[in-house]
Amino acid sequence: MSSGNDCQPQALTKPALGEKEAAELVDRVFGLKVSWIRSLPSYDDQNFHVRVSAEGADEYVLKITNSEDSQATDLIEAQTQAMMFLSAEGFPSATPYLTKDGNIMSLESGDTRPGSKKYMVRLLTYLPGIPVAKIATNAQILYEIGKLAASVDKVLSEKFQHPSVKSLHRGQFIWNLANVPLLDQYIYALGQNKYCAVVEQVIEQFKGKVIPKLSSFRACINHGDLNDHNILVDSSSASLENPQYRVSGILDFSDMSYGYYVFEVAIAIMYMMIESPDPLSVGGHVLAGFESIMPLTTDERGALFLLVSGRFAQSLVMAAHTALLYPENKEYLTITAKTGWKHLMTMFELGQEAVEKMWFETAQAYMHHAPA
């Protein structure tokens, strides 16, 4: 869910390769013969699941980055190096298959016409598992996701070093939670929508109550998009009534940027609410898992409600904006909107105090019987 380094609305050139062209690309750039290929859904890049006739690991994701983001070579380098680093640290993260020239990525033309757009191409190991969006989440996996969010940020911030890491300072990046105020210029995409008022309220409260506190939050590198489609799980128990899940994959590092620890837990809470039949209860379990690794400060906890609300606003407004640019991809782009508006409205109807009470009491209960 990347795009938006430039805070001005813009039409991205999303890659539009057919399966045959994508297979030829894998052969030409990586020297692998594709035996099976299918398109995967994507926000503004293009992804393919491919199987190749080769020794060892034979399933990959071909990731073709949109033309604008493809120009940010250092940023894509940083994201890919971070994935490799996390994999080496024991996290279930994909790693790149090297090009024939021994590189982790390659800038390629979309077609043979003169002046055609260029796209950054990577071939990443395919991670097994089911997206969280497709399971009935329970307290156990929500806790694990919170723990994962804190662990990823902590190890990246404390140990990840690479010359390209400076590119993660993305000042005007629309998906960084600090930039909720930038949504002002995208609200037009909602039209005369009845939800405009609540988004405007989120933005104003964010400006008044969160922005002044940013300097008191603890800074880190954020994955930035631990949503229910970017976390894969598998079941580690035979019990159908109470399955125990473990995280088997972390996907899509394109929203990585410097931010704050509390941003990551807020983002995870918001996305885990989307599919839940009891969305308001989700936050406490995710928070408990996060705080088992990285306890929040008083200021950070005090901002959590507005940070979760801010991420809802970002997701809903930017989906509406991007759907105007790519009407053919509207169904995928507006996945979150189906329930997102309802959850945001419910949060504001209940109010910050009531929602926080629910989250904090649930998290507190884990202090007395923390999972093993």
Protein backbone atom coordinates (compact mmCIF):
# COMPACT_ATOMS: atom_id res chain seq x y z
CA MET A 1 0.00 0.00 0.00
CA SER A 2 2.71 2.39 -0.87
CA SER A 3 2.77 5.54 -3.03
CA GLY A 4 2.52 9.08 -1.83
CA ASN A 5 6.10 10.15 -1.16
CA ASP A 6 4.96 13.35 -2.76
CA CYS A 7 2.07 14.62 -0.70
CA GLN A 8 0.28 15.97 -3.79
CA PRO A 9 -2.40 13.72 -5.32
CA GLN A 10 -1.01 12.07 -8.41
CA ALA A 11 -1.88 9.37 -10.90
CA LEU A 12 0.54 6.49 -10.48
CA THR A 13 1.47 4.30 -13.41
CA LYS A 14 0.55 0.89 -12.12
CA PRO A 15 2.25 -1.93 -14.04
CA ALA A 16 -0.08 -3.87 -16.34
CA LEU A 17 1.85 -6.90 -17.53
CA GLY A 18 0.04 -10.00 -18.70
CA GLU A 19 0.95 -13.42 -17.34
CA LYS A 20 2.93 -14.29 -20.49
CA GLU A 21 4.94 -11.04 -20.25
CA ALA A 22 5.58 -11.62 -16.55
CA ALA A 23 6.82 -15.17 -17.21
CA GLU A 24 9.18 -13.86 -19.90
CA LEU A 25 10.44 -11.26 -17.42
CA VAL A 26 11.30 -13.97 -14.87
CA ASP A 27 13.22 -15.87 -17.54
CA ARG A 28 15.07 -12.81 -18.88
CA VAL A 29 15.99 -11.19 -15.55
CA PHE A 30 16.35 -14.17 -13.19
CA GLY A 31 17.09 -17.03 -15.58
CA LEU A 32 14.20 -19.16 -14.33
CA LYS A 33 11.63 -20.98 -16.47
CA VAL A 34 8.09 -20.43 -15.20
CA SER A 35 5.88 -23.53 -15.11
CA TRP A 36 2.81 -21.83 -13.54
CA ILE A 37 1.84 -18.20 -12.89
CA ARG A 38 -1.14 -16.27 -11.57
CA SER A 39 -1.84 -12.66 -10.71
CA LEU A 40 -2.16 -11.58 -7.06
CA PRO A 41 -4.22 -8.60 -5.83
CA SER A 42 -2.27 -5.41 -5.19
CA TYR A 43 -2.85 -1.80 -4.19
CA ASP A 44 -0.68 0.08 -6.68
CA ASP A 45 2.05 -2.37 -7.72
CA GLN A 46 1.69 -5.66 -9.60
CA ASN A 47 2.35 -9.07 -8.04
CA PHE A 48 2.41 -12.59 -9.47
CA HIS A 49 2.65 -15.96 -7.74
CA VAL A 50 5.02 -18.06 -9.85
CA ARG A 51 6.26 -21.63 -9.80
CA VAL A 52 9.48 -22.43 -11.59
CA SER A 53 11.20 -25.59 -12.70
CA ALA A 54 14.33 -25.25 -10.59
CA GLU A 55 16.12 -26.95 -7.73
CA GLY A 56 15.18 -26.13 -4.12
CA ALA A 57 12.56 -23.48 -3.40
CA ASP A 58 10.37 -23.33 -6.48
CA GLU A 59 7.65 -20.82 -5.55
CA TYR A 60 8.13 -17.05 -5.68
CA VAL A 61 6.30 -13.75 -5.79
CA LEU A 62 7.27 -11.55 -8.72
CA LYS A 63 6.89 -7.98 -7.45
CA ILE A 64 6.73 -5.21 -10.04
CA THR A 65 6.73 -1.78 -8.39
CA ASN A 66 4.75 1.13 -9.88
CA SER A 67 6.75 3.53 -12.03
CA GLU A 68 6.86 6.43 -9.53
CA ASP A 69 7.99 4.37 -6.54
CA SER A 70 10.47 2.54 -8.82
CA GLN A 71 12.47 5.76 -9.02
CA ALA A 72 13.19 5.55 -5.26
CA THR A 73 15.99 3.00 -5.63
CA ASP A 74 17.47 3.59 -2.17
CA LEU A 75 14.07 3.15 -0.54
CA ILE A 76 13.39 -0.18 -2.28
CA GLU A 77 16.93 -1.25 -1.41
CA ALA A 78 16.29 -0.42 2.27
CA GLN A 79 12.99 -2.34 2.29
CA THR A 80 14.56 -5.40 0.67
CA GLN A 81 17.63 -5.33 2.92
CA ALA A 82 15.28 -5.09 5.94
CA MET A 83 13.43 -8.20 4.76
CA MET A 84 16.73 -10.08 4.40
CA PHE A 85 17.85 -8.87 7.82
CA LEU A 86 14.60 -9.96 9.51
CA SER A 87 14.80 -13.38 7.85
CA ALA A 88 18.35 -13.78 9.18
CA GLU A 89 17.03 -12.80 12.64
CA GLY A 90 14.49 -15.62 12.53
CA PHE A 91 11.38 -13.74 11.40
CA PRO A 92 9.22 -15.30 8.64
CA SER A 93 10.11 -12.71 6.02
CA ALA A 94 10.63 -13.23 2.29
CA THR A 95 14.10 -12.97 0.74
CA PRO A 96 15.00 -11.99 -2.83
CA TYR A 97 16.16 -14.40 -5.52
CA LEU A 98 19.14 -12.73 -7.19
CA THR A 99 19.04 -11.58 -10.79
CA LYS A 100 21.35 -13.14 -13.39
CA ASP A 101 23.70 -10.21 -12.64
CA GLY A 102 23.71 -11.05 -8.92
CA ASN A 103 21.53 -8.11 -7.81
CA ILE A 104 18.50 -8.10 -5.49
CA MET A 105 16.42 -6.08 -7.98
CA SER A 106 16.42 -4.79 -11.54
CA LEU A 107 14.89 -1.77 -13.30
CA GLU A 108 13.03 -3.04 -16.36
CA SER A 109 10.91 -1.53 -19.14
CA GLY A 110 7.21 -2.33 -19.17
CA ASP A 111 7.35 -3.01 -22.90
CA THR A 112 9.61 -2.54 -25.92
CA ARG A 113 8.21 0.81 -27.06
CA PRO A 114 10.57 3.81 -26.89
CA GLY A 115 10.06 5.91 -23.76
CA SER A 116 8.04 3.22 -21.98
CA LYS A 117 7.85 3.39 -18.18
CA LYS A 118 10.42 1.55 -16.11
CA TYR A 119 9.50 -0.65 -13.15
CA MET A 120 11.62 -2.10 -10.35
CA VAL A 121 11.38 -5.86 -10.43
CA ARG A 122 12.10 -8.32 -7.59
CA LEU A 123 11.55 -12.04 -7.20
CA LEU A 124 10.81 -12.88 -3.55
CA THR A 125 10.46 -16.26 -1.87
CA TYR A 126 6.82 -17.30 -1.54
CA LEU A 127 5.71 -17.60 2.08
CA PRO A 128 3.15 -20.27 3.01
CA GLY A 129 0.14 -19.59 5.19
CA ILE A 130 -3.33 -18.09 5.30
CA PRO A 131 -3.88 -14.32 5.50
CA VAL A 132 -5.31 -13.27 8.87
CA ALA A 133 -8.22 -11.78 6.89
CA LYS A 134 -9.37 -15.33 6.10
CA ILE A 135 -9.45 -16.76 9.63
CA ALA A 136 -11.70 -16.16 12.62
CA THR A 137 -9.24 -14.32 14.85
CA ASN A 138 -9.08 -15.21 18.53
CA ALA A 139 -7.35 -13.63 21.52
CA GLN A 140 -4.29 -15.86 21.07
CA ILE A 141 -3.43 -14.75 17.51
CA LEU A 142 -4.26 -11.10 18.27
CA TYR A 143 -1.77 -11.24 21.16
CA GLU A 144 0.83 -12.85 18.84
CA ILE A 145 0.30 -10.11 16.23
CA GLY A 146 0.85 -7.42 18.85
CA LYS A 147 4.01 -9.18 19.97
CA LEU A 148 5.18 -9.47 16.36
CA ALA A 149 4.59 -5.75 15.71
CA ALA A 150 6.75 -4.75 18.68
CA SER A 151 9.45 -7.34 17.96
CA VAL A 152 9.86 -6.33 14.30
CA ASP A 153 10.20 -2.62 15.12
CA LYS A 154 12.51 -3.28 18.05
CA VAL A 155 15.01 -5.43 16.16
CA LEU A 156 14.97 -3.14 13.10
CA SER A 157 15.53 -0.06 15.24
CA GLU A 158 18.24 -1.58 17.44
CA LYS A 159 20.20 -3.73 14.99
CA PHE A 160 19.42 -3.01 11.32
CA GLN A 161 22.21 -1.07 9.65
CA HIS A 162 22.62 -0.37 5.96
CA PRO A 163 23.62 2.77 4.00
CA SER A 164 20.14 2.93 2.41
CA VAL A 165 18.38 3.15 5.80
CA LYS A 166 18.44 6.95 5.66
CA SER A 167 15.86 6.76 2.85
CA LEU A 168 13.30 5.66 5.46
CA HIS A 169 13.06 9.30 6.59
CA ARG A 170 10.00 9.93 4.40
CA GLY A 171 8.78 13.35 5.51
CA GLN A 172 5.67 13.74 3.35
CA PHE A 173 4.79 10.03 3.03
CA ILE A 174 1.00 9.95 3.21
CA TRP A 175 0.88 6.56 4.99
CA ASN A 176 3.09 7.64 7.88
CA LEU A 177 0.73 8.17 10.80
CA ALA A 178 2.34 11.53 11.61
CA ASN A 179 0.89 12.77 8.31
CA VAL A 180 -2.82 12.37 9.09
CA PRO A 181 -3.16 16.20 8.69
CA LEU A 182 -2.19 15.81 5.01
CA LEU A 183 -5.52 14.05 4.42
CA ASP A 184 -7.09 17.52 4.16
CA GLN A 185 -6.20 17.63 0.48
CA TYR A 186 -7.70 14.21 -0.31
CA ILE A 187 -11.08 14.52 1.43
CA TYR A 188 -12.64 15.67 -1.86
CA ALA A 189 -12.57 11.98 -2.89
CA LEU A 190 -15.38 11.23 -0.41
CA GLY A 191 -17.74 13.50 -2.36
CA GLN A 192 -20.73 14.64 -0.34
CA ASN A 193 -20.30 11.57 1.83
CA LYS A 194 -21.97 11.60 5.25
CA TYR A 195 -18.66 10.39 6.73
CA CYS A 196 -16.77 13.58 5.82
CA ALA A 197 -17.61 15.18 9.15
CA VAL A 198 -16.07 12.39 11.23
CA VAL A 199 -12.87 12.43 9.13
CA GLU A 200 -12.60 16.20 9.57
CA GLN A 201 -13.08 15.68 13.31
CA VAL A 202 -10.30 13.04 13.38
CA ILE A 203 -7.93 15.37 11.52
CA GLU A 204 -8.64 18.35 13.79
CA GLN A 205 -8.27 16.34 17.00
CA PHE A 206 -5.11 14.75 15.63
CA LYS A 207 -3.61 18.19 14.93
CA GLY A 208 -4.50 19.42 18.41
CA LYS A 209 -3.75 16.38 20.57
CA VAL A 210 -1.31 14.07 18.78
CA ILE A 211 1.03 16.30 16.77
CA PRO A 212 2.16 18.30 19.85
CA LYS A 213 3.00 15.02 21.64
CA LEU A 214 5.10 13.42 18.85
CA SER A 215 8.37 14.59 20.37
CA SER A 216 7.59 12.63 23.55
CA PHE A 217 7.04 9.32 21.68
CA ARG A 218 9.89 6.83 21.25
CA ALA A 219 11.15 6.80 17.68
CA CYS A 220 11.80 3.64 15.67
CA ILE A 221 11.57 2.11 12.21
CA ASN A 222 7.99 1.07 11.43
CA HIS A 223 6.92 -1.74 9.11
CA GLY A 224 3.91 0.52 8.72
CA ASP A 225 1.36 -1.85 7.21
CA LEU A 226 0.79 -4.92 9.40
CA ASN A 227 -2.70 -5.40 8.05
CA ASP A 228 -4.85 -8.52 7.90
CA HIS A 229 -3.65 -9.32 4.36
CA ASN A 230 0.05 -8.78 5.12
CA ILE A 231 0.29 -11.26 8.01
CA LEU A 232 0.14 -14.96 7.19
CA VAL A 233 -0.60 -17.63 9.80
CA ASP A 234 -0.83 -21.37 10.07
CA SER A 235 -2.57 -23.45 12.68
CA SER A 236 -0.29 -25.22 15.13
CA SER A 237 -2.97 -27.31 16.86
CA ALA A 238 -5.49 -29.98 15.93
CA SER A 239 -8.35 -28.39 17.90
CA LEU A 240 -10.98 -27.04 15.51
CA GLU A 241 -12.90 -25.40 18.36
CA ASN A 242 -9.93 -23.39 19.65
CA PRO A 243 -7.17 -23.31 17.02
CA GLN A 244 -3.77 -22.01 18.07
CA TYR A 245 -2.11 -19.96 15.34
CA ARG A 246 1.45 -18.94 14.67
CA VAL A 247 2.64 -16.24 12.29
CA SER A 248 4.15 -17.85 9.17
CA GLY A 249 4.76 -14.77 7.04
CA ILE A 250 5.20 -10.99 7.10
CA LEU A 251 4.51 -9.35 3.73
CA ASP A 252 4.80 -5.97 2.01
CA PHE A 253 7.49 -3.69 3.39
CA SER A 254 6.69 -0.84 0.99
CA ASP A 255 5.27 1.41 3.74
CA MET A 256 8.39 1.22 5.94
CA SER A 257 9.46 4.55 7.36
CA TYR A 258 10.86 6.15 10.48
CA GLY A 259 8.06 6.69 12.96
CA TYR A 260 7.27 5.71 16.53
CA TYR A 261 6.60 2.45 18.36
CA VAL A 262 3.06 3.51 19.23
CA PHE A 263 2.29 3.96 15.50
CA GLU A 264 2.86 0.27 14.85
CA VAL A 265 0.52 -0.97 17.56
CA ALA A 266 -2.16 1.52 16.47
CA ILE A 267 -1.91 0.33 12.86
CA ALA A 268 -2.11 -3.33 13.91
CA ILE A 269 -5.15 -2.67 16.14
CA MET A 270 -6.98 -0.84 13.36
CA TYR A 271 -6.48 -3.57 10.77
CA MET A 272 -7.31 -6.39 13.18
CA MET A 273 -10.60 -4.63 13.94
CA ILE A 274 -11.64 -4.79 10.29
CA GLU A 275 -12.55 -8.49 10.11
CA SER A 276 -13.50 -9.01 13.75
CA PRO A 277 -17.12 -9.69 14.77
CA ASP A 278 -16.32 -7.86 18.03
CA PRO A 279 -14.01 -5.09 16.78
CA LEU A 280 -13.81 -2.95 19.91
CA SER A 281 -12.47 -5.85 21.97
CA VAL A 282 -9.53 -6.41 19.61
CA GLY A 283 -7.36 -3.53 20.82
CA GLY A 284 -6.71 -4.91 24.29
CA HIS A 285 -5.34 -8.25 23.05
CA VAL A 286 -3.07 -6.65 20.43
CA LEU A 287 -1.91 -4.07 22.98
CA ALA A 288 -1.12 -6.78 25.54
CA GLY A 289 1.06 -8.64 23.04
CA PHE A 290 2.82 -5.43 22.01
CA GLU A 291 3.45 -4.36 25.61
CA SER A 292 4.92 -7.78 26.47
CA ILE A 293 7.87 -6.59 24.34
CA MET A 294 7.55 -2.80 24.42
CA PRO A 295 5.39 -1.27 27.19
CA LEU A 296 3.93 2.08 26.15
CA THR A 297 4.48 5.29 28.06
CA THR A 298 1.59 7.35 29.47
CA ASP A 299 1.79 9.80 26.55
CA GLU A 300 1.84 6.98 24.01
CA ARG A 301 -1.16 5.26 25.58
CA GLY A 302 -3.01 8.56 25.70
CA ALA A 303 -2.64 8.96 21.93
CA LEU A 304 -3.70 5.42 21.00
CA PHE A 305 -7.40 6.15 20.37
CA LEU A 306 -6.65 9.02 17.99
CA LEU A 307 -3.84 7.09 16.28
CA VAL A 308 -6.18 4.17 15.56
CA SER A 309 -8.83 6.64 14.36
CA GLY A 310 -6.19 8.39 12.25
CA ARG A 311 -5.25 5.14 10.53
CA PHE A 312 -8.92 4.44 9.79
CA ALA A 313 -9.15 7.91 8.24
CA GLN A 314 -5.98 7.38 6.17
CA SER A 315 -7.14 4.02 4.88
CA LEU A 316 -10.68 5.12 4.05
CA VAL A 317 -9.84 8.47 2.46
CA MET A 318 -6.87 7.20 0.44
CA ALA A 319 -8.85 4.18 -0.78
CA ALA A 320 -11.55 6.53 -2.06
CA HIS A 321 -8.92 8.74 -3.71
CA THR A 322 -7.09 5.80 -5.34
CA ALA A 323 -10.35 4.20 -6.50
CA LEU A 324 -11.04 7.39 -8.47
CA LEU A 325 -7.69 6.91 -10.23
CA TYR A 326 -8.13 3.16 -10.77
CA PRO A 327 -11.86 2.36 -10.99
CA GLU A 328 -11.03 -1.09 -12.38
CA ASN A 329 -9.31 -1.95 -9.05
CA LYS A 330 -12.04 -0.48 -6.87
CA GLU A 331 -13.12 -3.76 -5.27
CA TYR A 332 -9.64 -4.46 -3.86
CA LEU A 333 -8.97 -0.84 -2.96
CA THR A 334 -12.13 -0.51 -0.89
CA ILE A 335 -11.86 -3.80 1.08
CA THR A 336 -11.32 -1.87 4.32
CA ALA A 337 -14.20 0.53 3.63
CA LYS A 338 -16.82 -2.23 3.83
CA THR A 339 -16.58 -2.33 7.61
CA GLY A 340 -14.09 0.46 8.31
CA TRP A 341 -16.57 3.32 8.28
CA LYS A 342 -18.86 1.49 10.68
CA HIS A 343 -16.01 0.82 13.14
CA LEU A 344 -14.74 4.41 13.03
CA MET A 345 -18.24 5.77 13.64
CA THR A 346 -18.75 3.34 16.55
CA MET A 347 -15.46 4.41 18.15
CA PHE A 348 -16.46 8.06 18.00
CA GLU A 349 -19.98 7.40 19.26
CA LEU A 350 -18.61 5.55 22.30
CA GLY A 351 -15.87 8.09 22.83
CA GLN A 352 -12.19 7.89 23.71
CA GLU A 353 -12.63 7.24 27.42
CA ALA A 354 -14.93 4.22 27.02
CA VAL A 355 -12.89 2.63 24.23
CA GLU A 356 -9.58 3.09 26.06
CA LYS A 357 -11.08 1.65 29.23
CA MET A 358 -11.99 -1.50 27.31
CA TRP A 359 -8.53 -1.80 25.71
CA PHE A 360 -6.53 -1.05 28.84
CA GLU A 361 -8.55 -3.36 31.12
CA THR A 362 -8.11 -6.26 28.67
CA ALA A 363 -4.37 -5.58 28.42
CA GLN A 364 -4.12 -5.33 32.22
CA ALA A 365 -5.73 -8.76 32.61
CA TYR A 366 -2.80 -10.31 30.73
CA MET A 367 -0.45 -9.08 33.44
CA HIS A 368 -1.97 -11.72 35.75
CA HIS A 369 -2.10 -14.60 33.26
CA ALA A 370 0.25 -13.86 30.36
CA PRO A 371 0.39 -16.48 27.59
CA ALA A 372 3.41 -18.80 27.62
